[in-house]
Amino acid sequence: MDNATYTMLRQFADSWGLAFMFVFFAVAIGFVLLNPRASANARNAAAIPFKEDHVDGE
């Protein structure tokens, strides 16, 4: 592959790769914020560190 082809492909990947990652991130955030079931699951998962552990015998 010559240098011009490499440069063209690199510029294409840089611009459209950034656009793809932004769209993917926006969809993922929208899914969590707008889907009621996913939002409840996210809240439950976020509260896990604050829940007390109950070990048998204590």
Protein backbone atom coordinates (compact mmCIF):
# COMPACT_ATOMS: atom_id res chain seq x y z
CA MET A 1 0.00 0.00 0.00
CA ASP A 2 1.43 3.34 -0.98
CA ASN A 3 1.63 6.36 1.28
CA ALA A 4 -1.26 8.25 -0.36
CA THR A 5 -3.66 5.33 0.14
CA TYR A 6 -2.54 4.92 3.74
CA THR A 7 -3.03 8.64 4.43
CA MET A 8 -6.48 8.63 2.84
CA LEU A 9 -7.59 5.58 4.83
CA ARG A 10 -6.13 7.03 8.01
CA GLN A 11 -8.03 10.31 7.59
CA PHE A 12 -11.25 8.42 6.82
CA ALA A 13 -10.86 6.25 9.93
CA ASP A 14 -10.05 9.26 12.10
CA SER A 15 -13.11 11.26 11.07
CA TRP A 16 -15.72 8.51 10.73
CA GLY A 17 -14.32 6.54 13.65
CA LEU A 18 -14.88 9.53 15.90
CA ALA A 19 -18.42 9.98 14.54
CA PHE A 20 -19.19 6.28 15.09
CA MET A 21 -17.90 6.35 18.68
CA PHE A 22 -19.94 9.49 19.45
CA VAL A 23 -23.14 7.96 18.06
CA PHE A 24 -22.53 4.71 19.96
CA PHE A 25 -21.93 6.63 23.21
CA ALA A 26 -25.05 8.77 22.71
CA VAL A 27 -27.20 5.69 22.04
CA ALA A 28 -25.84 3.89 25.10
CA ILE A 29 -26.48 6.90 27.36
CA GLY A 30 -29.93 7.40 25.85
CA PHE A 31 -30.78 3.74 26.38
CA VAL A 32 -29.88 3.93 30.07
CA LEU A 33 -31.64 7.25 30.68
CA LEU A 34 -34.79 6.69 28.60
CA ASN A 35 -35.49 2.99 29.14
CA PRO A 36 -37.29 2.62 32.51
CA ARG A 37 -36.20 -0.97 33.10
CA ALA A 38 -32.56 -0.24 32.22
CA SER A 39 -32.67 2.85 34.43
CA ALA A 40 -33.90 0.81 37.40
CA ASN A 41 -31.22 -1.82 36.80
CA ALA A 42 -28.55 0.89 36.63
CA ARG A 43 -29.75 2.40 39.92
CA ASN A 44 -29.69 -1.04 41.57
CA ALA A 45 -26.19 -1.74 40.28
CA ALA A 46 -24.96 1.65 41.50
CA ALA A 47 -26.28 0.92 45.01
CA ILE A 48 -24.47 -2.43 45.38
CA PRO A 49 -21.40 -0.99 47.20
CA PHE A 50 -23.65 0.61 49.83
CA LYS A 51 -25.63 -2.52 50.70
CA GLU A 52 -24.68 -4.35 53.87
CA ASP A 53 -23.44 -7.92 53.58
CA HIS A 54 -25.05 -10.47 55.87
CA VAL A 55 -22.76 -13.40 56.56
CA ASP A 56 -24.21 -16.56 58.10
CA GLY A 57 -23.55 -16.77 61.83
CA GLU A 58 -23.18 -13.06 62.46
